[in-house]
Amino acid sequence: MVLKAEKKENLVKVRAYKKVSDQNKKVNKINLVVLAAGLLLTVLGMEKVGSYLLWTGMFVLFITAISGILASGSLRRQR
């Protein structure tokens, strides 16, 4: 009985990790467009707007990376 409960707990944690991972992939795809737009605007001479987009993109990239690290850490810690 203890094994079944443990296995169920493992499955719940794996599902939670996959959910976070899939969500981060979607956010990163959108973020790539934001970064590309920021870079394009910077190259075209609109440095102020391009800079804001680049900084926003870098911030979102940092947050999603931290989210992924925390999710994988909680998965590893349990095993």
Protein backbone atom coordinates (compact mmCIF):
# COMPACT_ATOMS: atom_id res chain seq x y z
CA MET A 1 0.00 0.00 0.00
CA VAL A 2 2.85 2.40 0.76
CA LEU A 3 4.32 1.79 -2.70
CA LYS A 4 1.04 2.69 -4.42
CA ALA A 5 0.76 5.97 -2.52
CA GLU A 6 4.38 6.77 -3.29
CA LYS A 7 3.90 5.97 -6.96
CA LYS A 8 0.77 8.14 -7.11
CA GLU A 9 2.69 10.99 -5.51
CA ASN A 10 5.46 10.57 -8.11
CA LEU A 11 2.92 10.72 -10.93
CA VAL A 12 1.39 13.91 -9.53
CA LYS A 13 4.82 15.55 -9.33
CA VAL A 14 5.72 14.46 -12.87
CA ARG A 15 2.43 15.86 -14.20
CA ALA A 16 3.05 19.16 -12.40
CA TYR A 17 6.57 19.34 -13.88
CA LYS A 18 5.26 18.61 -17.39
CA LYS A 19 2.59 21.29 -16.99
CA VAL A 20 5.20 23.89 -15.99
CA SER A 21 7.51 22.73 -18.78
CA ASP A 22 4.81 22.96 -21.46
CA GLN A 23 3.72 26.36 -20.19
CA ASN A 24 7.32 27.62 -20.29
CA LYS A 25 7.71 26.40 -23.89
CA LYS A 26 4.66 28.41 -24.95
CA VAL A 27 5.87 31.52 -23.12
CA ASN A 28 9.34 31.16 -24.64
CA LYS A 29 7.91 30.99 -28.17
CA ILE A 30 6.06 34.26 -27.62
CA ASN A 31 9.11 35.72 -25.90
CA LEU A 32 11.28 34.89 -28.92
CA VAL A 33 8.98 37.04 -31.07
CA VAL A 34 9.22 39.89 -28.53
CA LEU A 35 13.03 39.66 -28.50
CA ALA A 36 13.18 39.57 -32.32
CA ALA A 37 10.90 42.61 -32.53
CA GLY A 38 13.05 44.45 -30.00
CA LEU A 39 16.22 43.64 -31.90
CA LEU A 40 14.65 44.65 -35.21
CA LEU A 41 13.41 47.96 -33.81
CA THR A 42 16.84 48.65 -32.30
CA VAL A 43 18.53 47.99 -35.65
CA LEU A 44 15.99 50.17 -37.49
CA GLY A 45 16.79 53.13 -35.27
CA MET A 46 14.02 53.00 -32.67
CA GLU A 47 16.43 52.34 -29.83
CA LYS A 48 14.13 53.39 -27.00
CA VAL A 49 11.22 51.08 -27.90
CA GLY A 50 13.57 48.29 -28.99
CA SER A 51 15.48 48.54 -25.73
CA TYR A 52 12.28 48.22 -23.69
CA LEU A 53 11.25 45.12 -25.65
CA LEU A 54 14.71 43.57 -25.28
CA TRP A 55 14.75 44.16 -21.52
CA THR A 56 11.22 42.80 -21.18
CA GLY A 57 12.18 39.72 -23.18
CA MET A 58 15.29 39.13 -21.09
CA PHE A 59 13.25 39.47 -17.88
CA VAL A 60 10.64 36.96 -19.09
CA LEU A 61 13.41 34.60 -20.22
CA PHE A 62 14.99 34.82 -16.77
CA ILE A 63 11.68 34.15 -15.00
CA THR A 64 10.85 31.13 -17.17
CA ALA A 65 14.35 29.73 -16.64
CA ILE A 66 14.02 30.06 -12.86
CA SER A 67 10.56 28.47 -13.04
CA GLY A 68 11.96 25.49 -14.97
CA ILE A 69 14.87 25.07 -12.57
CA LEU A 70 12.56 25.12 -9.55
CA ALA A 71 10.18 22.63 -11.16
CA SER A 72 12.95 20.20 -12.08
CA GLY A 73 14.52 20.65 -8.63
CA SER A 74 11.31 19.68 -6.88
CA LEU A 75 11.03 16.65 -9.14
CA ARG A 76 14.63 15.56 -8.45
CA ARG A 77 14.42 16.20 -4.70
CA GLN A 78 11.53 13.79 -4.38
CA ARG A 79 13.29 10.85 -6.06
